[in-house]
Amino acid sequence: KPIVAPPRDTVADTLPAAGDSAPPK
């Protein structure tokens, strides 16, 4: 049962709320 990236419009529901979608400094 591998992990598969969800569609982009559901990404916010799969990760901690803050900071994940921003590009790293």
mmCIF file of all heavy atoms, coordinates in Angstrom:
data_MODEL
# 
_entry.id   MODEL 
# 
loop_
_atom_site.group_PDB 
_atom_site.id 
_atom_site.type_symbol 
_atom_site.label_atom_id 
_atom_site.label_alt_id 
_atom_site.label_comp_id 
_atom_site.label_asym_id 
_atom_site.label_entity_id 
_atom_site.label_seq_id 
_atom_site.pdbx_PDB_ins_code 
_atom_site.Cartn_x 
_atom_site.Cartn_y 
_atom_site.Cartn_z 
_atom_site.occupancy 
_atom_site.B_iso_or_equiv 
_atom_site.pdbx_formal_charge 
_atom_site.auth_seq_id 
_atom_site.auth_comp_id 
_atom_site.auth_asym_id 
_atom_site.auth_atom_id 
_atom_site.pdbx_PDB_model_num 
ATOM 1   N N   . LYS A 1 1  ? 0.851  -1.196 0.000  1.00 0.00 ? 1  LYS A N   1 
ATOM 2   C CA  . LYS A 1 1  ? 0.000  0.000  0.000  1.00 0.00 ? 1  LYS A CA  1 
ATOM 3   C C   . LYS A 1 1  ? 0.882  1.240  0.000  1.00 0.00 ? 1  LYS A C   1 
ATOM 4   O O   . LYS A 1 1  ? 1.100  1.870  1.038  1.00 0.00 ? 1  LYS A O   1 
ATOM 5   C CB  . LYS A 1 1  ? -0.933 -0.009 1.207  1.00 0.00 ? 1  LYS A CB  1 
ATOM 6   C CG  . LYS A 1 1  ? -1.893 -1.193 1.249  1.00 0.00 ? 1  LYS A CG  1 
ATOM 7   C CD  . LYS A 1 1  ? -2.733 -1.198 2.513  1.00 0.00 ? 1  LYS A CD  1 
ATOM 8   C CE  . LYS A 1 1  ? -3.629 -2.422 2.571  1.00 0.00 ? 1  LYS A CE  1 
ATOM 9   N NZ  . LYS A 1 1  ? -4.409 -2.484 3.835  1.00 0.00 ? 1  LYS A NZ  1 
ATOM 10  N N   . PRO A 1 2  ? 1.428  1.601  -1.145 1.00 0.00 ? 2  PRO A N   1 
ATOM 11  C CA  . PRO A 1 2  ? 2.306  2.777  -1.204 1.00 0.00 ? 2  PRO A CA  1 
ATOM 12  C C   . PRO A 1 2  ? 1.527  4.076  -1.026 1.00 0.00 ? 2  PRO A C   1 
ATOM 13  O O   . PRO A 1 2  ? 0.296  4.113  -1.147 1.00 0.00 ? 2  PRO A O   1 
ATOM 14  C CB  . PRO A 1 2  ? 2.912  2.684  -2.607 1.00 0.00 ? 2  PRO A CB  1 
ATOM 15  C CG  . PRO A 1 2  ? 1.886  1.943  -3.400 1.00 0.00 ? 2  PRO A CG  1 
ATOM 16  C CD  . PRO A 1 2  ? 1.270  0.952  -2.448 1.00 0.00 ? 2  PRO A CD  1 
ATOM 17  N N   . ILE A 1 3  ? 2.268  5.122  -0.735 1.00 0.00 ? 3  ILE A N   1 
ATOM 18  C CA  . ILE A 1 3  ? 1.699  6.466  -0.619 1.00 0.00 ? 3  ILE A CA  1 
ATOM 19  C C   . ILE A 1 3  ? 1.729  7.109  -2.009 1.00 0.00 ? 3  ILE A C   1 
ATOM 20  O O   . ILE A 1 3  ? 2.746  7.087  -2.697 1.00 0.00 ? 3  ILE A O   1 
ATOM 21  C CB  . ILE A 1 3  ? 2.506  7.313  0.365  1.00 0.00 ? 3  ILE A CB  1 
ATOM 22  C CG1 . ILE A 1 3  ? 2.607  6.600  1.722  1.00 0.00 ? 3  ILE A CG1 1 
ATOM 23  C CG2 . ILE A 1 3  ? 1.901  8.707  0.514  1.00 0.00 ? 3  ILE A CG2 1 
ATOM 24  C CD1 . ILE A 1 3  ? 1.294  6.388  2.423  1.00 0.00 ? 3  ILE A CD1 1 
ATOM 25  N N   . VAL A 1 4  ? 0.615  7.680  -2.399 1.00 0.00 ? 4  VAL A N   1 
ATOM 26  C CA  . VAL A 1 4  ? 0.510  8.316  -3.708 1.00 0.00 ? 4  VAL A CA  1 
ATOM 27  C C   . VAL A 1 4  ? 0.070  9.755  -3.507 1.00 0.00 ? 4  VAL A C   1 
ATOM 28  O O   . VAL A 1 4  ? -0.819 10.043 -2.705 1.00 0.00 ? 4  VAL A O   1 
ATOM 29  C CB  . VAL A 1 4  ? -0.502 7.569  -4.608 1.00 0.00 ? 4  VAL A CB  1 
ATOM 30  C CG1 . VAL A 1 4  ? -0.604 8.235  -5.972 1.00 0.00 ? 4  VAL A CG1 1 
ATOM 31  C CG2 . VAL A 1 4  ? -0.107 6.108  -4.755 1.00 0.00 ? 4  VAL A CG2 1 
ATOM 32  N N   . ALA A 1 5  ? 0.693  10.664 -4.212 1.00 0.00 ? 5  ALA A N   1 
ATOM 33  C CA  . ALA A 1 5  ? 0.326  12.074 -4.107 1.00 0.00 ? 5  ALA A CA  1 
ATOM 34  C C   . ALA A 1 5  ? -1.109 12.274 -4.557 1.00 0.00 ? 5  ALA A C   1 
ATOM 35  O O   . ALA A 1 5  ? -1.488 11.808 -5.630 1.00 0.00 ? 5  ALA A O   1 
ATOM 36  C CB  . ALA A 1 5  ? 1.268  12.931 -4.947 1.00 0.00 ? 5  ALA A CB  1 
ATOM 37  N N   . PRO A 1 6  ? -1.919 12.978 -3.761 1.00 0.00 ? 6  PRO A N   1 
ATOM 38  C CA  . PRO A 1 6  ? -3.309 13.233 -4.154 1.00 0.00 ? 6  PRO A CA  1 
ATOM 39  C C   . PRO A 1 6  ? -3.390 14.340 -5.192 1.00 0.00 ? 6  PRO A C   1 
ATOM 40  O O   . PRO A 1 6  ? -2.396 15.029 -5.453 1.00 0.00 ? 6  PRO A O   1 
ATOM 41  C CB  . PRO A 1 6  ? -3.946 13.679 -2.834 1.00 0.00 ? 6  PRO A CB  1 
ATOM 42  C CG  . PRO A 1 6  ? -2.830 14.347 -2.107 1.00 0.00 ? 6  PRO A CG  1 
ATOM 43  C CD  . PRO A 1 6  ? -1.579 13.582 -2.471 1.00 0.00 ? 6  PRO A CD  1 
ATOM 44  N N   . PRO A 1 7  ? -4.552 14.512 -5.803 1.00 0.00 ? 7  PRO A N   1 
ATOM 45  C CA  . PRO A 1 7  ? -4.724 15.658 -6.705 1.00 0.00 ? 7  PRO A CA  1 
ATOM 46  C C   . PRO A 1 7  ? -4.387 16.949 -5.987 1.00 0.00 ? 7  PRO A C   1 
ATOM 47  O O   . PRO A 1 7  ? -4.554 17.069 -4.779 1.00 0.00 ? 7  PRO A O   1 
ATOM 48  C CB  . PRO A 1 7  ? -6.216 15.587 -7.088 1.00 0.00 ? 7  PRO A CB  1 
ATOM 49  C CG  . PRO A 1 7  ? -6.582 14.149 -6.872 1.00 0.00 ? 7  PRO A CG  1 
ATOM 50  C CD  . PRO A 1 7  ? -5.765 13.694 -5.706 1.00 0.00 ? 7  PRO A CD  1 
ATOM 51  N N   . ARG A 1 8  ? -3.911 17.905 -6.732 1.00 0.00 ? 8  ARG A N   1 
ATOM 52  C CA  . ARG A 1 8  ? -3.424 19.141 -6.112 1.00 0.00 ? 8  ARG A CA  1 
ATOM 53  C C   . ARG A 1 8  ? -4.470 19.846 -5.275 1.00 0.00 ? 8  ARG A C   1 
ATOM 54  O O   . ARG A 1 8  ? -4.149 20.487 -4.283 1.00 0.00 ? 8  ARG A O   1 
ATOM 55  C CB  . ARG A 1 8  ? -2.918 20.106 -7.192 1.00 0.00 ? 8  ARG A CB  1 
ATOM 56  C CG  . ARG A 1 8  ? -1.780 19.584 -8.012 1.00 0.00 ? 8  ARG A CG  1 
ATOM 57  C CD  . ARG A 1 8  ? -0.577 19.211 -7.158 1.00 0.00 ? 8  ARG A CD  1 
ATOM 58  N NE  . ARG A 1 8  ? -0.022 20.324 -6.420 1.00 0.00 ? 8  ARG A NE  1 
ATOM 59  C CZ  . ARG A 1 8  ? 1.013  20.232 -5.595 1.00 0.00 ? 8  ARG A CZ  1 
ATOM 60  N NH1 . ARG A 1 8  ? 1.590  19.064 -5.403 1.00 0.00 ? 8  ARG A NH1 1 
ATOM 61  N NH2 . ARG A 1 8  ? 1.466  21.286 -4.949 1.00 0.00 ? 8  ARG A NH2 1 
ATOM 62  N N   . ASP A 1 9  ? -5.760 19.753 -5.616 1.00 0.00 ? 9  ASP A N   1 
ATOM 63  C CA  . ASP A 1 9  ? -6.774 20.474 -4.850 1.00 0.00 ? 9  ASP A CA  1 
ATOM 64  C C   . ASP A 1 9  ? -7.068 19.815 -3.514 1.00 0.00 ? 9  ASP A C   1 
ATOM 65  O O   . ASP A 1 9  ? -7.807 20.361 -2.698 1.00 0.00 ? 9  ASP A O   1 
ATOM 66  C CB  . ASP A 1 9  ? -8.073 20.625 -5.654 1.00 0.00 ? 9  ASP A CB  1 
ATOM 67  C CG  . ASP A 1 9  ? -8.650 19.289 -6.095 1.00 0.00 ? 9  ASP A CG  1 
ATOM 68  O OD1 . ASP A 1 9  ? -7.995 18.264 -5.846 1.00 0.00 ? 9  ASP A OD1 1 
ATOM 69  O OD2 . ASP A 1 9  ? -9.744 19.292 -6.681 1.00 0.00 ? 9  ASP A OD2 1 
ATOM 70  N N   . THR A 1 10 ? -6.494 18.645 -3.238 1.00 0.00 ? 10 THR A N   1 
ATOM 71  C CA  . THR A 1 10 ? -6.719 18.004 -1.944 1.00 0.00 ? 10 THR A CA  1 
ATOM 72  C C   . THR A 1 10 ? -5.463 17.970 -1.086 1.00 0.00 ? 10 THR A C   1 
ATOM 73  O O   . THR A 1 10 ? -5.468 17.443 0.004  1.00 0.00 ? 10 THR A O   1 
ATOM 74  C CB  . THR A 1 10 ? -7.211 16.556 -2.126 1.00 0.00 ? 10 THR A CB  1 
ATOM 75  O OG1 . THR A 1 10 ? -6.162 15.784 -2.733 1.00 0.00 ? 10 THR A OG1 1 
ATOM 76  C CG2 . THR A 1 10 ? -8.456 16.497 -2.972 1.00 0.00 ? 10 THR A CG2 1 
ATOM 77  N N   . VAL A 1 11 ? -4.388 18.574 -1.567 1.00 0.00 ? 11 VAL A N   1 
ATOM 78  C CA  . VAL A 1 11 ? -3.129 18.549 -0.825 1.00 0.00 ? 11 VAL A CA  1 
ATOM 79  C C   . VAL A 1 11 ? -3.269 19.173 0.546  1.00 0.00 ? 11 VAL A C   1 
ATOM 80  O O   . VAL A 1 11 ? -2.733 18.688 1.539  1.00 0.00 ? 11 VAL A O   1 
ATOM 81  C CB  . VAL A 1 11 ? -2.032 19.264 -1.630 1.00 0.00 ? 11 VAL A CB  1 
ATOM 82  C CG1 . VAL A 1 11 ? -0.809 19.517 -0.756 1.00 0.00 ? 11 VAL A CG1 1 
ATOM 83  C CG2 . VAL A 1 11 ? -1.643 18.440 -2.834 1.00 0.00 ? 11 VAL A CG2 1 
ATOM 84  N N   . ALA A 1 12 ? -4.020 20.246 0.643  1.00 0.00 ? 12 ALA A N   1 
ATOM 85  C CA  . ALA A 1 12 ? -4.148 20.939 1.922  1.00 0.00 ? 12 ALA A CA  1 
ATOM 86  C C   . ALA A 1 12 ? -4.753 20.050 2.990  1.00 0.00 ? 12 ALA A C   1 
ATOM 87  O O   . ALA A 1 12 ? -4.568 20.287 4.185  1.00 0.00 ? 12 ALA A O   1 
ATOM 88  C CB  . ALA A 1 12 ? -5.000 22.200 1.747  1.00 0.00 ? 12 ALA A CB  1 
ATOM 89  N N   . ASP A 1 13 ? -5.515 19.029 2.596  1.00 0.00 ? 13 ASP A N   1 
ATOM 90  C CA  . ASP A 1 13 ? -6.153 18.155 3.584  1.00 0.00 ? 13 ASP A CA  1 
ATOM 91  C C   . ASP A 1 13 ? -5.240 17.022 4.034  1.00 0.00 ? 13 ASP A C   1 
ATOM 92  O O   . ASP A 1 13 ? -5.595 16.268 4.922  1.00 0.00 ? 13 ASP A O   1 
ATOM 93  C CB  . ASP A 1 13 ? -7.429 17.540 2.977  1.00 0.00 ? 13 ASP A CB  1 
ATOM 94  C CG  . ASP A 1 13 ? -8.449 18.603 2.604  1.00 0.00 ? 13 ASP A CG  1 
ATOM 95  O OD1 . ASP A 1 13 ? -8.500 19.629 3.296  1.00 0.00 ? 13 ASP A OD1 1 
ATOM 96  O OD2 . ASP A 1 13 ? -9.164 18.390 1.615  1.00 0.00 ? 13 ASP A OD2 1 
ATOM 97  N N   . THR A 1 14 ? -4.061 16.896 3.460  1.00 0.00 ? 14 THR A N   1 
ATOM 98  C CA  . THR A 1 14 ? -3.208 15.749 3.765  1.00 0.00 ? 14 THR A CA  1 
ATOM 99  C C   . THR A 1 14 ? -1.996 16.092 4.598  1.00 0.00 ? 14 THR A C   1 
ATOM 100 O O   . THR A 1 14 ? -1.301 15.208 5.063  1.00 0.00 ? 14 THR A O   1 
ATOM 101 C CB  . THR A 1 14 ? -2.721 15.104 2.461  1.00 0.00 ? 14 THR A CB  1 
ATOM 102 O OG1 . THR A 1 14 ? -1.854 16.019 1.783  1.00 0.00 ? 14 THR A OG1 1 
ATOM 103 C CG2 . THR A 1 14 ? -3.879 14.715 1.564  1.00 0.00 ? 14 THR A CG2 1 
ATOM 104 N N   . LEU A 1 15 ? -1.721 17.372 4.811  1.00 0.00 ? 15 LEU A N   1 
ATOM 105 C CA  . LEU A 1 15 ? -0.508 17.778 5.502  1.00 0.00 ? 15 LEU A CA  1 
ATOM 106 C C   . LEU A 1 15 ? -0.825 18.729 6.656  1.00 0.00 ? 15 LEU A C   1 
ATOM 107 O O   . LEU A 1 15 ? -1.922 19.264 6.748  1.00 0.00 ? 15 LEU A O   1 
ATOM 108 C CB  . LEU A 1 15 ? 0.429  18.489 4.521  1.00 0.00 ? 15 LEU A CB  1 
ATOM 109 C CG  . LEU A 1 15 ? 1.001  17.629 3.403  1.00 0.00 ? 15 LEU A CG  1 
ATOM 110 C CD1 . LEU A 1 15 ? 1.709  18.518 2.393  1.00 0.00 ? 15 LEU A CD1 1 
ATOM 111 C CD2 . LEU A 1 15 ? 1.965  16.606 3.968  1.00 0.00 ? 15 LEU A CD2 1 
ATOM 112 N N   . PRO A 1 16 ? 0.123  18.969 7.571  1.00 0.00 ? 16 PRO A N   1 
ATOM 113 C CA  . PRO A 1 16 ? -0.068 19.989 8.585  1.00 0.00 ? 16 PRO A CA  1 
ATOM 114 C C   . PRO A 1 16 ? -0.441 21.316 7.944  1.00 0.00 ? 16 PRO A C   1 
ATOM 115 O O   . PRO A 1 16 ? -0.069 21.606 6.804  1.00 0.00 ? 16 PRO A O   1 
ATOM 116 C CB  . PRO A 1 16 ? 1.304  20.055 9.269  1.00 0.00 ? 16 PRO A CB  1 
ATOM 117 C CG  . PRO A 1 16 ? 1.871  18.687 9.063  1.00 0.00 ? 16 PRO A CG  1 
ATOM 118 C CD  . PRO A 1 16 ? 1.384  18.261 7.702  1.00 0.00 ? 16 PRO A CD  1 
ATOM 119 N N   . ALA A 1 17 ? -1.150 22.141 8.686  1.00 0.00 ? 17 ALA A N   1 
ATOM 120 C CA  . ALA A 1 17 ? -1.805 23.306 8.117  1.00 0.00 ? 17 ALA A CA  1 
ATOM 121 C C   . ALA A 1 17 ? -0.855 24.343 7.534  1.00 0.00 ? 17 ALA A C   1 
ATOM 122 O O   . ALA A 1 17 ? -1.102 24.885 6.468  1.00 0.00 ? 17 ALA A O   1 
ATOM 123 C CB  . ALA A 1 17 ? -2.691 23.957 9.176  1.00 0.00 ? 17 ALA A CB  1 
ATOM 124 N N   . ALA A 1 18 ? 0.244  24.647 8.240  1.00 0.00 ? 18 ALA A N   1 
ATOM 125 C CA  . ALA A 1 18 ? 1.025  25.812 7.845  1.00 0.00 ? 18 ALA A CA  1 
ATOM 126 C C   . ALA A 1 18 ? 2.346  25.429 7.209  1.00 0.00 ? 18 ALA A C   1 
ATOM 127 O O   . ALA A 1 18 ? 2.983  24.461 7.592  1.00 0.00 ? 18 ALA A O   1 
ATOM 128 C CB  . ALA A 1 18 ? 1.279  26.698 9.058  1.00 0.00 ? 18 ALA A CB  1 
ATOM 129 N N   . GLY A 1 19 ? 2.754  26.203 6.233  1.00 0.00 ? 19 GLY A N   1 
ATOM 130 C CA  . GLY A 1 19 ? 4.117  26.166 5.743  1.00 0.00 ? 19 GLY A CA  1 
ATOM 131 C C   . GLY A 1 19 ? 4.456  25.123 4.711  1.00 0.00 ? 19 GLY A C   1 
ATOM 132 O O   . GLY A 1 19 ? 5.540  25.174 4.141  1.00 0.00 ? 19 GLY A O   1 
ATOM 133 N N   . ASP A 1 20 ? 3.596  24.174 4.434  1.00 0.00 ? 20 ASP A N   1 
ATOM 134 C CA  . ASP A 1 20 ? 4.007  23.059 3.597  1.00 0.00 ? 20 ASP A CA  1 
ATOM 135 C C   . ASP A 1 20 ? 4.060  23.371 2.124  1.00 0.00 ? 20 ASP A C   1 
ATOM 136 O O   . ASP A 1 20 ? 4.881  22.821 1.413  1.00 0.00 ? 20 ASP A O   1 
ATOM 137 C CB  . ASP A 1 20 ? 3.074  21.868 3.828  1.00 0.00 ? 20 ASP A CB  1 
ATOM 138 C CG  . ASP A 1 20 ? 3.286  21.277 5.195  1.00 0.00 ? 20 ASP A CG  1 
ATOM 139 O OD1 . ASP A 1 20 ? 4.204  20.476 5.343  1.00 0.00 ? 20 ASP A OD1 1 
ATOM 140 O OD2 . ASP A 1 20 ? 2.549  21.669 6.102  1.00 0.00 ? 20 ASP A OD2 1 
ATOM 141 N N   . SER A 1 21 ? 3.158  24.227 1.656  1.00 0.00 ? 21 SER A N   1 
ATOM 142 C CA  . SER A 1 21 ? 3.113  24.480 0.227  1.00 0.00 ? 21 SER A CA  1 
ATOM 143 C C   . SER A 1 21 ? 4.094  25.563 -0.206 1.00 0.00 ? 21 SER A C   1 
ATOM 144 O O   . SER A 1 21 ? 4.338  25.748 -1.384 1.00 0.00 ? 21 SER A O   1 
ATOM 145 C CB  . SER A 1 21 ? 1.686  24.867 -0.192 1.00 0.00 ? 21 SER A CB  1 
ATOM 146 O OG  . SER A 1 21 ? 1.283  26.024 0.504  1.00 0.00 ? 21 SER A OG  1 
ATOM 147 N N   . ALA A 1 22 ? 4.667  26.300 0.768  1.00 0.00 ? 22 ALA A N   1 
ATOM 148 C CA  . ALA A 1 22 ? 5.596  27.364 0.420  1.00 0.00 ? 22 ALA A CA  1 
ATOM 149 C C   . ALA A 1 22 ? 6.952  26.778 0.051  1.00 0.00 ? 22 ALA A C   1 
ATOM 150 O O   . ALA A 1 22 ? 7.401  25.819 0.671  1.00 0.00 ? 22 ALA A O   1 
ATOM 151 C CB  . ALA A 1 22 ? 5.748  28.322 1.599  1.00 0.00 ? 22 ALA A CB  1 
ATOM 152 N N   . PRO A 1 23 ? 7.617  27.328 -0.947 1.00 0.00 ? 23 PRO A N   1 
ATOM 153 C CA  . PRO A 1 23 ? 8.949  26.807 -1.302 1.00 0.00 ? 23 PRO A CA  1 
ATOM 154 C C   . PRO A 1 23 ? 9.935  27.053 -0.176 1.00 0.00 ? 23 PRO A C   1 
ATOM 155 O O   . PRO A 1 23 ? 9.865  28.065 0.512  1.00 0.00 ? 23 PRO A O   1 
ATOM 156 C CB  . PRO A 1 23 ? 9.310  27.611 -2.559 1.00 0.00 ? 23 PRO A CB  1 
ATOM 157 C CG  . PRO A 1 23 ? 8.492  28.854 -2.461 1.00 0.00 ? 23 PRO A CG  1 
ATOM 158 C CD  . PRO A 1 23 ? 7.215  28.455 -1.793 1.00 0.00 ? 23 PRO A CD  1 
ATOM 159 N N   . PRO A 1 24 ? 10.846 26.135 0.065  1.00 0.00 ? 24 PRO A N   1 
ATOM 160 C CA  . PRO A 1 24 ? 11.802 26.313 1.142  1.00 0.00 ? 24 PRO A CA  1 
ATOM 161 C C   . PRO A 1 24 ? 12.745 27.475 0.866  1.00 0.00 ? 24 PRO A C   1 
ATOM 162 O O   . PRO A 1 24 ? 13.116 27.741 -0.279 1.00 0.00 ? 24 PRO A O   1 
ATOM 163 C CB  . PRO A 1 24 ? 12.559 24.990 1.154  1.00 0.00 ? 24 PRO A CB  1 
ATOM 164 C CG  . PRO A 1 24 ? 12.410 24.462 -0.226 1.00 0.00 ? 24 PRO A CG  1 
ATOM 165 C CD  . PRO A 1 24 ? 11.048 24.897 -0.676 1.00 0.00 ? 24 PRO A CD  1 
ATOM 166 N N   . LYS A 1 25 ? 13.120 28.184 1.927  1.00 0.00 ? 25 LYS A N   1 
ATOM 167 C CA  . LYS A 1 25 ? 14.106 29.243 1.789  1.00 0.00 ? 25 LYS A CA  1 
ATOM 168 C C   . LYS A 1 25 ? 15.481 28.614 1.569  1.00 0.00 ? 25 LYS A C   1 
ATOM 169 O O   . LYS A 1 25 ? 15.799 27.591 2.147  1.00 0.00 ? 25 LYS A O   1 
ATOM 170 C CB  . LYS A 1 25 ? 14.121 30.113 3.045  1.00 0.00 ? 25 LYS A CB  1 
ATOM 171 C CG  . LYS A 1 25 ? 12.822 30.878 3.281  1.00 0.00 ? 25 LYS A CG  1 
ATOM 172 C CD  . LYS A 1 25 ? 12.928 31.740 4.520  1.00 0.00 ? 25 LYS A CD  1 
ATOM 173 C CE  . LYS A 1 25 ? 11.634 32.522 4.751  1.00 0.00 ? 25 LYS A CE  1 
ATOM 174 N NZ  . LYS A 1 25 ? 11.724 33.365 5.965  1.00 0.00 ? 25 LYS A NZ  1 
# 
